Amino acid sequence: MIYIIDDDKSVKRAFELFLKATALDYKSFESANEFLATFKPSLEDIIIMDLNLPGMKGSDLLKEFMQENLAVPVIVVTALDDPQTRESCRKYGVKAYLRKPVDCETLLDIIKFNLPSQVHN
């Protein structure tokens, strides 16, 4: 399952449409809290998330994953781009750090690399 966490409705909808077109299963959420209320980790999961979220920030969610030793691949998609933010994401084991707007082919390549069993050629 691919989880999308982004409070920007237009960005979230664009990801939903893109993933639907690629026949990948997804669920989307507007906040980290909403996501955590239903998330049951699996080896087949990947998370696409913004950092600037209402309530619990994306960095706090990454910190929680690290503390819980969850090995879920995370792709950060953000409008923020500074060395401190990139370094923080590296420290938390983020698989990719993409700036908005996102090139969907690049995103799909990252997904394929991290979830080979879900992607149909």
PDB file of N, CA and C in Angstrom:
ATOM      1  N   MET A   1       0.847  -1.176   0.000  1.00  0.00           N
ATOM      2  CA  MET A   1       0.000   0.000   0.000  1.00  0.00           C
ATOM      3  C   MET A   1       0.895   1.243   0.000  1.00  0.00           C
ATOM      4  N   ILE A   2       0.489   2.200  -0.768  1.00  0.00           N
ATOM      5  CA  ILE A   2       1.192   3.483  -0.774  1.00  0.00           C
ATOM      6  C   ILE A   2       0.330   4.480  -0.020  1.00  0.00           C
ATOM      7  N   TYR A   3       0.912   5.093   0.990  1.00  0.00           N
ATOM      8  CA  TYR A   3       0.210   6.078   1.809  1.00  0.00           C
ATOM      9  C   TYR A   3       0.674   7.473   1.408  1.00  0.00           C
ATOM     10  N   ILE A   4      -0.285   8.331   1.159  1.00  0.00           N
ATOM     11  CA  ILE A   4      -0.015   9.724   0.825  1.00  0.00           C
ATOM     12  C   ILE A   4      -0.434  10.564   2.025  1.00  0.00           C
ATOM     13  N   ILE A   5       0.460  11.402   2.529  1.00  0.00           N
ATOM     14  CA  ILE A   5       0.129  12.304   3.645  1.00  0.00           C
ATOM     15  C   ILE A   5       0.494  13.711   3.213  1.00  0.00           C
ATOM     16  N   ASP A   6      -0.536  14.488   2.892  1.00  0.00           N
ATOM     17  CA  ASP A   6      -0.308  15.879   2.460  1.00  0.00           C
ATOM     18  C   ASP A   6      -1.590  16.669   2.698  1.00  0.00           C
ATOM     19  N   ASP A   7      -1.472  17.806   3.350  1.00  0.00           N
ATOM     20  CA  ASP A   7      -2.658  18.619   3.645  1.00  0.00           C
ATOM     21  C   ASP A   7      -3.066  19.513   2.482  1.00  0.00           C
ATOM     22  N   ASP A   8      -2.227  19.602   1.459  1.00  0.00           N
ATOM     23  CA  ASP A   8      -2.577  20.378   0.269  1.00  0.00           C
ATOM     24  C   ASP A   8      -3.455  19.492  -0.613  1.00  0.00           C
ATOM     25  N   LYS A   9      -4.741  19.819  -0.656  1.00  0.00           N
ATOM     26  CA  LYS A   9      -5.704  18.975  -1.367  1.00  0.00           C
ATOM     27  C   LYS A   9      -5.352  18.777  -2.837  1.00  0.00           C
ATOM     28  N   SER A  10      -4.841  19.807  -3.491  1.00  0.00           N
ATOM     29  CA  SER A  10      -4.522  19.671  -4.911  1.00  0.00           C
ATOM     30  C   SER A  10      -3.321  18.741  -5.129  1.00  0.00           C
ATOM     31  N   VAL A  11      -2.343  18.817  -4.268  1.00  0.00           N
ATOM     32  CA  VAL A  11      -1.178  17.930  -4.364  1.00  0.00           C
ATOM     33  C   VAL A  11      -1.608  16.494  -4.066  1.00  0.00           C
ATOM     34  N   LYS A  12      -2.375  16.330  -3.015  1.00  0.00           N
ATOM     35  CA  LYS A  12      -2.852  15.004  -2.635  1.00  0.00           C
ATOM     36  C   LYS A  12      -3.667  14.385  -3.767  1.00  0.00           C
ATOM     37  N   ARG A  13      -4.539  15.173  -4.372  1.00  0.00           N
ATOM     38  CA  ARG A  13      -5.375  14.685  -5.471  1.00  0.00           C
ATOM     39  C   ARG A  13      -4.525  14.332  -6.692  1.00  0.00           C
ATOM     40  N   ALA A  14      -3.518  15.107  -6.971  1.00  0.00           N
ATOM     41  CA  ALA A  14      -2.630  14.808  -8.105  1.00  0.00           C
ATOM     42  C   ALA A  14      -1.922  13.468  -7.891  1.00  0.00           C
ATOM     43  N   PHE A  15      -1.429  13.224  -6.675  1.00  0.00           N
ATOM     44  CA  PHE A  15      -0.803  11.938  -6.366  1.00  0.00           C
ATOM     45  C   PHE A  15      -1.809  10.800  -6.493  1.00  0.00           C
ATOM     46  N   GLU A  16      -3.020  11.021  -5.996  1.00  0.00           N
ATOM     47  CA  GLU A  16      -4.060   9.987  -6.095  1.00  0.00           C
ATOM     48  C   GLU A  16      -4.336   9.626  -7.557  1.00  0.00           C
ATOM     49  N   LEU A  17      -4.514  10.623  -8.393  1.00  0.00           N
ATOM     50  CA  LEU A  17      -4.798  10.371  -9.802  1.00  0.00           C
ATOM     51  C   LEU A  17      -3.628   9.661 -10.487  1.00  0.00           C
ATOM     52  N   PHE A  18      -2.433  10.082 -10.162  1.00  0.00           N
ATOM     53  CA  PHE A  18      -1.254   9.463 -10.749  1.00  0.00           C
ATOM     54  C   PHE A  18      -1.144   8.001 -10.329  1.00  0.00           C
ATOM     55  N   LEU A  19      -1.292   7.718  -9.055  1.00  0.00           N
ATOM     56  CA  LEU A  19      -1.172   6.337  -8.582  1.00  0.00           C
ATOM     57  C   LEU A  19      -2.294   5.463  -9.116  1.00  0.00           C
ATOM     58  N   LYS A  20      -3.479   6.039  -9.226  1.00  0.00           N
ATOM     59  CA  LYS A  20      -4.606   5.295  -9.799  1.00  0.00           C
ATOM     60  C   LYS A  20      -4.289   4.922 -11.248  1.00  0.00           C
ATOM     61  N   ALA A  21      -3.723   5.836 -12.001  1.00  0.00           N
ATOM     62  CA  ALA A  21      -3.380   5.591 -13.401  1.00  0.00           C
ATOM     63  C   ALA A  21      -2.297   4.524 -13.542  1.00  0.00           C
ATOM     64  N   THR A  22      -1.462   4.370 -12.530  1.00  0.00           N
ATOM     65  CA  THR A  22      -0.400   3.364 -12.568  1.00  0.00           C
ATOM     66  C   THR A  22      -0.843   2.054 -11.938  1.00  0.00           C
ATOM     67  N   ALA A  23      -2.109   1.972 -11.511  1.00  0.00           N
ATOM     68  CA  ALA A  23      -2.697   0.758 -10.920  1.00  0.00           C
ATOM     69  C   ALA A  23      -2.049   0.364  -9.600  1.00  0.00           C
ATOM     70  N   LEU A  24      -1.547   1.344  -8.855  1.00  0.00           N
ATOM     71  CA  LEU A  24      -0.979   1.078  -7.537  1.00  0.00           C
ATOM     72  C   LEU A  24      -2.018   1.388  -6.467  1.00  0.00           C
ATOM     73  N   ASP A  25      -2.085   0.549  -5.447  1.00  0.00           N
ATOM     74  CA  ASP A  25      -3.018   0.768  -4.347  1.00  0.00           C
ATOM     75  C   ASP A  25      -2.511   1.893  -3.451  1.00  0.00           C
ATOM     76  N   TYR A  26      -3.426   2.752  -3.031  1.00  0.00           N
ATOM     77  CA  TYR A  26      -3.039   3.876  -2.189  1.00  0.00           C
ATOM     78  C   TYR A  26      -4.175   4.238  -1.237  1.00  0.00           C
ATOM     79  N   LYS A  27      -3.803   4.938  -0.193  1.00  0.00           N
ATOM     80  CA  LYS A  27      -4.729   5.592   0.728  1.00  0.00           C
ATOM     81  C   LYS A  27      -4.132   6.955   0.995  1.00  0.00           C
ATOM     82  N   SER A  28      -4.989   7.955   1.159  1.00  0.00           N
ATOM     83  CA  SER A  28      -4.448   9.290   1.396  1.00  0.00           C
ATOM     84  C   SER A  28      -5.024   9.905   2.665  1.00  0.00           C
ATOM     85  N   PHE A  29      -4.217  10.771   3.248  1.00  0.00           N
ATOM     86  CA  PHE A  29      -4.543  11.411   4.510  1.00  0.00           C
ATOM     87  C   PHE A  29      -4.093  12.866   4.471  1.00  0.00           C
ATOM     88  N   GLU A  30      -4.775  13.713   5.239  1.00  0.00           N
ATOM     89  CA  GLU A  30      -4.420  15.133   5.290  1.00  0.00           C
ATOM     90  C   GLU A  30      -3.565  15.490   6.504  1.00  0.00           C
ATOM     91  N   SER A  31      -3.351  14.535   7.397  1.00  0.00           N
ATOM     92  CA  SER A  31      -2.517  14.809   8.570  1.00  0.00           C
ATOM     93  C   SER A  31      -1.837  13.528   9.036  1.00  0.00           C
ATOM     94  N   ALA A  32      -0.743  13.695   9.766  1.00  0.00           N
ATOM     95  CA  ALA A  32      -0.035  12.553  10.327  1.00  0.00           C
ATOM     96  C   ALA A  32      -0.906  11.847  11.360  1.00  0.00           C
ATOM     97  N   ASN A  33      -1.664  12.620  12.125  1.00  0.00           N
ATOM     98  CA  ASN A  33      -2.535  12.023  13.145  1.00  0.00           C
ATOM     99  C   ASN A  33      -3.602  11.134  12.511  1.00  0.00           C
ATOM    100  N   GLU A  34      -4.208  11.618  11.432  1.00  0.00           N
ATOM    101  CA  GLU A  34      -5.221  10.839  10.714  1.00  0.00           C
ATOM    102  C   GLU A  34      -4.585   9.549  10.174  1.00  0.00           C
ATOM    103  N   PHE A  35      -3.395   9.651   9.630  1.00  0.00           N
ATOM    104  CA  PHE A  35      -2.671   8.499   9.119  1.00  0.00           C
ATOM    105  C   PHE A  35      -2.391   7.491  10.237  1.00  0.00           C
ATOM    106  N   LEU A  36      -1.839   7.951  11.345  1.00  0.00           N
ATOM    107  CA  LEU A  36      -1.475   7.052  12.445  1.00  0.00           C
ATOM    108  C   LEU A  36      -2.674   6.327  13.050  1.00  0.00           C
ATOM    109  N   ALA A  37      -3.847   6.934  12.964  1.00  0.00           N
ATOM    110  CA  ALA A  37      -5.045   6.313  13.530  1.00  0.00           C
ATOM    111  C   ALA A  37      -5.422   5.016  12.812  1.00  0.00           C
ATOM    112  N   THR A  38      -4.960   4.844  11.573  1.00  0.00           N
ATOM    113  CA  THR A  38      -5.340   3.647  10.812  1.00  0.00           C
ATOM    114  C   THR A  38      -4.155   2.820  10.327  1.00  0.00           C
ATOM    115  N   PHE A  39      -2.946   3.294  10.473  1.00  0.00           N
ATOM    116  CA  PHE A  39      -1.772   2.647   9.898  1.00  0.00           C
ATOM    117  C   PHE A  39      -1.413   1.354  10.620  1.00  0.00           C
ATOM    118  N   LYS A  40      -1.302   0.285   9.830  1.00  0.00           N
ATOM    119  CA  LYS A  40      -0.808  -1.011  10.310  1.00  0.00           C
ATOM    120  C   LYS A  40       0.366  -1.371   9.401  1.00  0.00           C
ATOM    121  N   PRO A  41       1.597  -1.247   9.900  1.00  0.00           N
ATOM    122  CA  PRO A  41       2.775  -1.429   9.046  1.00  0.00           C
ATOM    123  C   PRO A  41       2.853  -2.809   8.387  1.00  0.00           C
ATOM    124  N   SER A  42       3.345  -2.816   7.166  1.00  0.00           N
ATOM    125  CA  SER A  42       3.559  -4.042   6.403  1.00  0.00           C
ATOM    126  C   SER A  42       4.834  -3.862   5.590  1.00  0.00           C
ATOM    127  N   LEU A  43       5.427  -4.970   5.180  1.00  0.00           N
ATOM    128  CA  LEU A  43       6.650  -4.909   4.384  1.00  0.00           C
ATOM    129  C   LEU A  43       6.398  -4.367   2.986  1.00  0.00           C
ATOM    130  N   GLU A  44       5.158  -4.272   2.583  1.00  0.00           N
ATOM    131  CA  GLU A  44       4.809  -3.803   1.237  1.00  0.00           C
ATOM    132  C   GLU A  44       4.371  -2.336   1.208  1.00  0.00           C
ATOM    133  N   ASP A  45       4.593  -1.604   2.272  1.00  0.00           N
ATOM    134  CA  ASP A  45       4.147  -0.214   2.370  1.00  0.00           C
ATOM    135  C   ASP A  45       5.233   0.759   1.931  1.00  0.00           C
ATOM    136  N   ILE A  46       4.768   1.910   1.490  1.00  0.00           N
ATOM    137  CA  ILE A  46       5.651   3.055   1.247  1.00  0.00           C
ATOM    138  C   ILE A  46       4.843   4.304   1.571  1.00  0.00           C
ATOM    139  N   ILE A  47       5.510   5.315   2.083  1.00  0.00           N
ATOM    140  CA  ILE A  47       4.827   6.546   2.480  1.00  0.00           C
ATOM    141  C   ILE A  47       5.388   7.709   1.661  1.00  0.00           C
ATOM    142  N   ILE A  48       4.471   8.469   1.084  1.00  0.00           N
ATOM    143  CA  ILE A  48       4.809   9.721   0.394  1.00  0.00           C
ATOM    144  C   ILE A  48       4.243  10.828   1.262  1.00  0.00           C
ATOM    145  N   MET A  49       5.091  11.690   1.791  1.00  0.00           N
ATOM    146  CA  MET A  49       4.581  12.668   2.751  1.00  0.00           C
ATOM    147  C   MET A  49       5.237  14.026   2.630  1.00  0.00           C
ATOM    148  N   ASP A  50       4.438  15.016   3.007  1.00  0.00           N
ATOM    149  CA  ASP A  50       4.914  16.387   3.134  1.00  0.00           C
ATOM    150  C   ASP A  50       5.508  16.530   4.530  1.00  0.00           C
ATOM    151  N   LEU A  51       6.308  17.539   4.748  1.00  0.00           N
ATOM    152  CA  LEU A  51       6.850  17.813   6.080  1.00  0.00           C
ATOM    153  C   LEU A  51       5.996  18.815   6.844  1.00  0.00           C
ATOM    154  N   ASN A  52       5.416  19.761   6.127  1.00  0.00           N
ATOM    155  CA  ASN A  52       4.637  20.819   6.766  1.00  0.00           C
ATOM    156  C   ASN A  52       3.176  20.375   6.853  1.00  0.00           C
ATOM    157  N   LEU A  53       2.858  19.661   7.924  1.00  0.00           N
ATOM    158  CA  LEU A  53       1.513  19.115   8.120  1.00  0.00           C
ATOM    159  C   LEU A  53       0.852  19.770   9.329  1.00  0.00           C
ATOM    160  N   PRO A  54      -0.471  19.816   9.340  1.00  0.00           N
ATOM    161  CA  PRO A  54      -1.161  20.353  10.519  1.00  0.00           C
ATOM    162  C   PRO A  54      -1.035  19.375  11.692  1.00  0.00           C
ATOM    163  N   GLY A  55      -0.983  19.905  12.896  1.00  0.00           N
ATOM    164  CA  GLY A  55      -0.834  19.026  14.064  1.00  0.00           C
ATOM    165  C   GLY A  55       0.574  18.481  14.129  1.00  0.00           C
ATOM    166  N   MET A  56       0.687  17.164  14.122  1.00  0.00           N
ATOM    167  CA  MET A  56       1.991  16.516  14.142  1.00  0.00           C
ATOM    168  C   MET A  56       2.725  16.809  12.831  1.00  0.00           C
ATOM    169  N   LYS A  57       3.894  17.375  12.923  1.00  0.00           N
ATOM    170  CA  LYS A  57       4.699  17.701  11.741  1.00  0.00           C
ATOM    171  C   LYS A  57       5.305  16.430  11.150  1.00  0.00           C
ATOM    172  N   GLY A  58       5.669  16.510   9.880  1.00  0.00           N
ATOM    173  CA  GLY A  58       6.282  15.371   9.219  1.00  0.00           C
ATOM    174  C   GLY A  58       7.565  14.925   9.897  1.00  0.00           C
ATOM    175  N   SER A  59       8.358  15.874  10.367  1.00  0.00           N
ATOM    176  CA  SER A  59       9.607  15.524  11.056  1.00  0.00           C
ATOM    177  C   SER A  59       9.326  14.742  12.336  1.00  0.00           C
ATOM    178  N   ASP A  60       8.236  15.070  13.021  1.00  0.00           N
ATOM    179  CA  ASP A  60       7.861  14.331  14.233  1.00  0.00           C
ATOM    180  C   ASP A  60       7.421  12.911  13.892  1.00  0.00           C
ATOM    181  N   LEU A  61       6.732  12.756  12.767  1.00  0.00           N
ATOM    182  CA  LEU A  61       6.327  11.430  12.318  1.00  0.00           C
ATOM    183  C   LEU A  61       7.560  10.594  11.969  1.00  0.00           C
ATOM    184  N   LEU A  62       8.523  11.196  11.293  1.00  0.00           N
ATOM    185  CA  LEU A  62       9.763  10.485  10.976  1.00  0.00           C
ATOM    186  C   LEU A  62      10.497  10.065  12.248  1.00  0.00           C
ATOM    187  N   LYS A  63      10.521  10.956  13.226  1.00  0.00           N
ATOM    188  CA  LYS A  63      11.154  10.657  14.512  1.00  0.00           C
ATOM    189  C   LYS A  63      10.469   9.466  15.182  1.00  0.00           C
ATOM    190  N   GLU A  64       9.141   9.444  15.119  1.00  0.00           N
ATOM    191  CA  GLU A  64       8.379   8.341  15.710  1.00  0.00           C
ATOM    192  C   GLU A  64       8.688   7.022  15.006  1.00  0.00           C
ATOM    193  N   PHE A  65       8.769   7.042  13.685  1.00  0.00           N
ATOM    194  CA  PHE A  65       9.127   5.835  12.942  1.00  0.00           C
ATOM    195  C   PHE A  65      10.483   5.314  13.390  1.00  0.00           C
ATOM    196  N   MET A  66      11.433   6.226  13.561  1.00  0.00           N
ATOM    197  CA  MET A  66      12.783   5.842  13.967  1.00  0.00           C
ATOM    198  C   MET A  66      12.769   5.222  15.367  1.00  0.00           C
ATOM    199  N   GLN A  67      12.034   5.837  16.288  1.00  0.00           N
ATOM    200  CA  GLN A  67      11.955   5.327  17.656  1.00  0.00           C
ATOM    201  C   GLN A  67      11.286   3.958  17.716  1.00  0.00           C
ATOM    202  N   GLU A  68      10.331   3.719  16.815  1.00  0.00           N
ATOM    203  CA  GLU A  68       9.612   2.446  16.771  1.00  0.00           C
ATOM    204  C   GLU A  68      10.331   1.406  15.902  1.00  0.00           C
ATOM    205  N   ASN A  69      11.461   1.796  15.313  1.00  0.00           N
ATOM    206  CA  ASN A  69      12.218   0.925  14.410  1.00  0.00           C
ATOM    207  C   ASN A  69      11.380   0.428  13.236  1.00  0.00           C
ATOM    208  N   LEU A  70      10.520   1.283  12.712  1.00  0.00           N
ATOM    209  CA  LEU A  70       9.717   0.930  11.539  1.00  0.00           C
ATOM    210  C   LEU A  70      10.557   1.155  10.287  1.00  0.00           C
ATOM    211  N   ALA A  71      10.675   0.134   9.492  1.00  0.00           N
ATOM    212  CA  ALA A  71      11.491   0.208   8.287  1.00  0.00           C
ATOM    213  C   ALA A  71      10.631   0.468   7.052  1.00  0.00           C
ATOM    214  N   VAL A  72       9.676   1.349   7.176  1.00  0.00           N
ATOM    215  CA  VAL A  72       8.804   1.688   6.053  1.00  0.00           C
ATOM    216  C   VAL A  72       9.513   2.743   5.195  1.00  0.00           C
ATOM    217  N   PRO A  73       9.668   2.470   3.889  1.00  0.00           N
ATOM    218  CA  PRO A  73      10.300   3.480   3.040  1.00  0.00           C
ATOM    219  C   PRO A  73       9.460   4.764   2.995  1.00  0.00           C
ATOM    220  N   VAL A  74      10.123   5.893   3.162  1.00  0.00           N
ATOM    221  CA  VAL A  74       9.455   7.188   3.150  1.00  0.00           C
ATOM    222  C   VAL A  74      10.051   8.049   2.056  1.00  0.00           C
ATOM    223  N   ILE A  75       9.163   8.654   1.264  1.00  0.00           N
ATOM    224  CA  ILE A  75       9.542   9.647   0.265  1.00  0.00           C
ATOM    225  C   ILE A  75       8.993  10.981   0.753  1.00  0.00           C
ATOM    226  N   VAL A  76       9.868  11.918   1.011  1.00  0.00           N
ATOM    227  CA  VAL A  76       9.438  13.242   1.443  1.00  0.00           C
ATOM    228  C   VAL A  76       9.266  14.109   0.202  1.00  0.00           C
ATOM    229  N   VAL A  77       8.114  14.755   0.111  1.00  0.00           N
ATOM    230  CA  VAL A  77       7.809  15.688  -0.971  1.00  0.00           C
ATOM    231  C   VAL A  77       7.460  17.008  -0.292  1.00  0.00           C
ATOM    232  N   THR A  78       8.273  18.021  -0.515  1.00  0.00           N
ATOM    233  CA  THR A  78       8.105  19.252   0.245  1.00  0.00           C
ATOM    234  C   THR A  78       8.469  20.488  -0.563  1.00  0.00           C
ATOM    235  N   ALA A  79       7.917  21.603  -0.154  1.00  0.00           N
ATOM    236  CA  ALA A  79       8.300  22.887  -0.737  1.00  0.00           C
ATOM    237  C   ALA A  79       9.512  23.443   0.019  1.00  0.00           C
ATOM    238  N   LEU A  80       9.800  22.882   1.191  1.00  0.00           N
ATOM    239  CA  LEU A  80      10.951  23.299   1.988  1.00  0.00           C
ATOM    240  C   LEU A  80      12.212  22.743   1.359  1.00  0.00           C
ATOM    241  N   ASP A  81      13.239  23.541   1.297  1.00  0.00           N
ATOM    242  CA  ASP A  81      14.503  23.034   0.795  1.00  0.00           C
ATOM    243  C   ASP A  81      15.635  23.835   1.393  1.00  0.00           C
ATOM    244  N   ASP A  82      16.155  23.302   2.458  1.00  0.00           N
ATOM    245  CA  ASP A  82      17.333  23.905   3.068  1.00  0.00           C
ATOM    246  C   ASP A  82      18.213  22.778   3.585  1.00  0.00           C
ATOM    247  N   PRO A  83      19.480  23.039   3.763  1.00  0.00           N
ATOM    248  CA  PRO A  83      20.411  21.993   4.174  1.00  0.00           C
ATOM    249  C   PRO A  83      20.009  21.297   5.480  1.00  0.00           C
ATOM    250  N   GLN A  84      19.499  22.040   6.434  1.00  0.00           N
ATOM    251  CA  GLN A  84      19.117  21.458   7.722  1.00  0.00           C
ATOM    252  C   GLN A  84      17.963  20.463   7.549  1.00  0.00           C
ATOM    253  N   THR A  85      16.978  20.808   6.735  1.00  0.00           N
ATOM    254  CA  THR A  85      15.845  19.916   6.499  1.00  0.00           C
ATOM    255  C   THR A  85      16.292  18.661   5.770  1.00  0.00           C
ATOM    256  N   ARG A  86      17.110  18.821   4.747  1.00  0.00           N
ATOM    257  CA  ARG A  86      17.624  17.651   4.014  1.00  0.00           C
ATOM    258  C   ARG A  86      18.430  16.743   4.933  1.00  0.00           C
ATOM    259  N   GLU A  87      19.277  17.324   5.752  1.00  0.00           N
ATOM    260  CA  GLU A  87      20.100  16.535   6.673  1.00  0.00           C
ATOM    261  C   GLU A  87      19.231  15.806   7.699  1.00  0.00           C
ATOM    262  N   SER A  88      18.230  16.470   8.198  1.00  0.00           N
ATOM    263  CA  SER A  88      17.304  15.846   9.140  1.00  0.00           C
ATOM    264  C   SER A  88      16.609  14.648   8.487  1.00  0.00           C
ATOM    265  N   CYS A  89      16.185  14.797   7.257  1.00  0.00           N
ATOM    266  CA  CYS A  89      15.526  13.692   6.550  1.00  0.00           C
ATOM    267  C   CYS A  89      16.495  12.529   6.351  1.00  0.00           C
ATOM    268  N   ARG A  90      17.740  12.833   6.017  1.00  0.00           N
ATOM    269  CA  ARG A  90      18.757  11.785   5.884  1.00  0.00           C
ATOM    270  C   ARG A  90      18.933  11.036   7.193  1.00  0.00           C
ATOM    271  N   LYS A  91      18.988  11.792   8.272  1.00  0.00           N
ATOM    272  CA  LYS A  91      19.181  11.201   9.598  1.00  0.00           C
ATOM    273  C   LYS A  91      18.054  10.232   9.939  1.00  0.00           C
ATOM    274  N   TYR A  92      16.848  10.543   9.485  1.00  0.00           N
ATOM    275  CA  TYR A  92      15.695   9.689   9.772  1.00  0.00           C
ATOM    276  C   TYR A  92      15.497   8.587   8.739  1.00  0.00           C
ATOM    277  N   GLY A  93      16.432   8.439   7.804  1.00  0.00           N
ATOM    278  CA  GLY A  93      16.384   7.324   6.874  1.00  0.00           C
ATOM    279  C   GLY A  93      15.432   7.465   5.704  1.00  0.00           C
ATOM    280  N   VAL A  94      15.096   8.707   5.363  1.00  0.00           N
ATOM    281  CA  VAL A  94      14.194   8.942   4.236  1.00  0.00           C
ATOM    282  C   VAL A  94      14.841   8.390   2.958  1.00  0.00           C
ATOM    283  N   LYS A  95      14.053   7.688   2.151  1.00  0.00           N
ATOM    284  CA  LYS A  95      14.561   7.074   0.916  1.00  0.00           C
ATOM    285  C   LYS A  95      14.748   8.086  -0.202  1.00  0.00           C
ATOM    286  N   ALA A  96      13.920   9.133  -0.223  1.00  0.00           N
ATOM    287  CA  ALA A  96      14.046  10.166  -1.251  1.00  0.00           C
ATOM    288  C   ALA A  96      13.494  11.478  -0.717  1.00  0.00           C
ATOM    289  N   TYR A  97      14.065  12.553  -1.186  1.00  0.00           N
ATOM    290  CA  TYR A  97      13.665  13.905  -0.794  1.00  0.00           C
ATOM    291  C   TYR A  97      13.423  14.677  -2.084  1.00  0.00           C
ATOM    292  N   LEU A  98      12.154  14.946  -2.371  1.00  0.00           N
ATOM    293  CA  LEU A  98      11.782  15.618  -3.610  1.00  0.00           C
ATOM    294  C   LEU A  98      11.149  16.963  -3.313  1.00  0.00           C
ATOM    295  N   ARG A  99      11.479  17.941  -4.145  1.00  0.00           N
ATOM    296  CA  ARG A  99      10.883  19.264  -4.001  1.00  0.00           C
ATOM    297  C   ARG A  99       9.656  19.391  -4.892  1.00  0.00           C
ATOM    298  N   LYS A 100       8.650  20.086  -4.377  1.00  0.00           N
ATOM    299  CA  LYS A 100       7.453  20.366  -5.174  1.00  0.00           C
ATOM    300  C   LYS A 100       7.783  21.444  -6.190  1.00  0.00           C
ATOM    301  N   PRO A 101       7.250  21.370  -7.379  1.00  0.00           N
ATOM    302  CA  PRO A 101       6.403  20.306  -7.916  1.00  0.00           C
ATOM    303  C   PRO A 101       7.248  19.074  -8.252  1.00  0.00           C
ATOM    304  N   VAL A 102       6.630  17.909  -8.155  1.00  0.00           N
ATOM    305  CA  VAL A 102       7.322  16.637  -8.328  1.00  0.00           C
ATOM    306  C   VAL A 102       7.168  16.133  -9.756  1.00  0.00           C
ATOM    307  N   ASP A 103       8.253  15.624 -10.300  1.00  0.00           N
ATOM    308  CA  ASP A 103       8.195  14.930 -11.575  1.00  0.00           C
ATOM    309  C   ASP A 103       7.661  13.522 -11.300  1.00  0.00           C
ATOM    310  N   CYS A 104       6.501  13.210 -11.842  1.00  0.00           N
ATOM    311  CA  CYS A 104       5.828  11.944 -11.533  1.00  0.00           C
ATOM    312  C   CYS A 104       6.611  10.731 -11.998  1.00  0.00           C
ATOM    313  N   GLU A 105       7.341  10.839 -13.081  1.00  0.00           N
ATOM    314  CA  GLU A 105       8.151   9.700 -13.540  1.00  0.00           C
ATOM    315  C   GLU A 105       9.271   9.398 -12.545  1.00  0.00           C
ATOM    316  N   THR A 106       9.857  10.442 -11.985  1.00  0.00           N
ATOM    317  CA  THR A 106      10.880  10.246 -10.959  1.00  0.00           C
ATOM    318  C   THR A 106      10.266   9.578  -9.736  1.00  0.00           C
ATOM    319  N   LEU A 107       9.100  10.056  -9.337  1.00  0.00           N
ATOM    320  CA  LEU A 107       8.401   9.460  -8.193  1.00  0.00           C
ATOM    321  C   LEU A 107       8.102   7.986  -8.457  1.00  0.00           C
ATOM    322  N   LEU A 108       7.623   7.661  -9.638  1.00  0.00           N
ATOM    323  CA  LEU A 108       7.316   6.273  -9.973  1.00  0.00           C
ATOM    324  C   LEU A 108       8.573   5.407  -9.943  1.00  0.00           C
ATOM    325  N   ASP A 109       9.688   5.925 -10.427  1.00  0.00           N
ATOM    326  CA  ASP A 109      10.949   5.183 -10.368  1.00  0.00           C
ATOM    327  C   ASP A 109      11.336   4.870  -8.929  1.00  0.00           C
ATOM    328  N   ILE A 110      11.164   5.832  -8.049  1.00  0.00           N
ATOM    329  CA  ILE A 110      11.492   5.622  -6.633  1.00  0.00           C
ATOM    330  C   ILE A 110      10.557   4.576  -6.034  1.00  0.00           C
ATOM    331  N   ILE A 111       9.295   4.648  -6.352  1.00  0.00           N
ATOM    332  CA  ILE A 111       8.335   3.661  -5.862  1.00  0.00           C
ATOM    333  C   ILE A 111       8.709   2.271  -6.363  1.00  0.00           C
ATOM    334  N   LYS A 112       9.002   2.143  -7.656  1.00  0.00           N
ATOM    335  CA  LYS A 112       9.378   0.845  -8.220  1.00  0.00           C
ATOM    336  C   LYS A 112      10.614   0.277  -7.526  1.00  0.00           C
ATOM    337  N   PHE A 113      11.564   1.141  -7.250  1.00  0.00           N
ATOM    338  CA  PHE A 113      12.792   0.696  -6.593  1.00  0.00           C
ATOM    339  C   PHE A 113      12.508   0.165  -5.191  1.00  0.00           C
ATOM    340  N   ASN A 114      11.561   0.776  -4.491  1.00  0.00           N
ATOM    341  CA  ASN A 114      11.274   0.400  -3.108  1.00  0.00           C
ATOM    342  C   ASN A 114      10.170  -0.637  -2.958  1.00  0.00           C
ATOM    343  N   LEU A 115       9.346  -0.830  -3.975  1.00  0.00           N
ATOM    344  CA  LEU A 115       8.260  -1.802  -3.906  1.00  0.00           C
ATOM    345  C   LEU A 115       8.197  -2.644  -5.183  1.00  0.00           C
ATOM    346  N   PRO A 116       9.233  -3.376  -5.476  1.00  0.00           N
ATOM    347  CA  PRO A 116       9.244  -4.121  -6.745  1.00  0.00           C
ATOM    348  C   PRO A 116       8.117  -5.140  -6.874  1.00  0.00           C
ATOM    349  N   SER A 117       7.641  -5.700  -5.798  1.00  0.00           N
ATOM    350  CA  SER A 117       6.607  -6.725  -5.888  1.00  0.00           C
ATOM    351  C   SER A 117       5.233  -6.152  -6.241  1.00  0.00           C
ATOM    352  N   GLN A 118       5.023  -4.843  -6.076  1.00  0.00           N
ATOM    353  CA  GLN A 118       3.715  -4.248  -6.355  1.00  0.00           C
ATOM    354  C   GLN A 118       3.608  -3.685  -7.745  1.00  0.00           C
ATOM    355  N   VAL A 119       4.712  -3.509  -8.433  1.00  0.00           N
ATOM    356  CA  VAL A 119       4.685  -2.838  -9.717  1.00  0.00           C
ATOM    357  C   VAL A 119       4.632  -3.881 -10.823  1.00  0.00           C
ATOM    358  N   HIS A 120       3.698  -3.693 -11.732  1.00  0.00           N
ATOM    359  CA  HIS A 120       3.529  -4.593 -12.858  1.00  0.00           C
ATOM    360  C   HIS A 120       4.188  -3.976 -14.085  1.00  0.00           C
ATOM    361  N   ASN A 121       5.006  -4.749 -14.766  1.00  0.00           N
ATOM    362  CA  ASN A 121       5.665  -4.234 -15.979  1.00  0.00           C
ATOM    363  C   ASN A 121       4.786  -4.385 -17.183  1.00  0.00           C
TER     364      ASN A 121
END
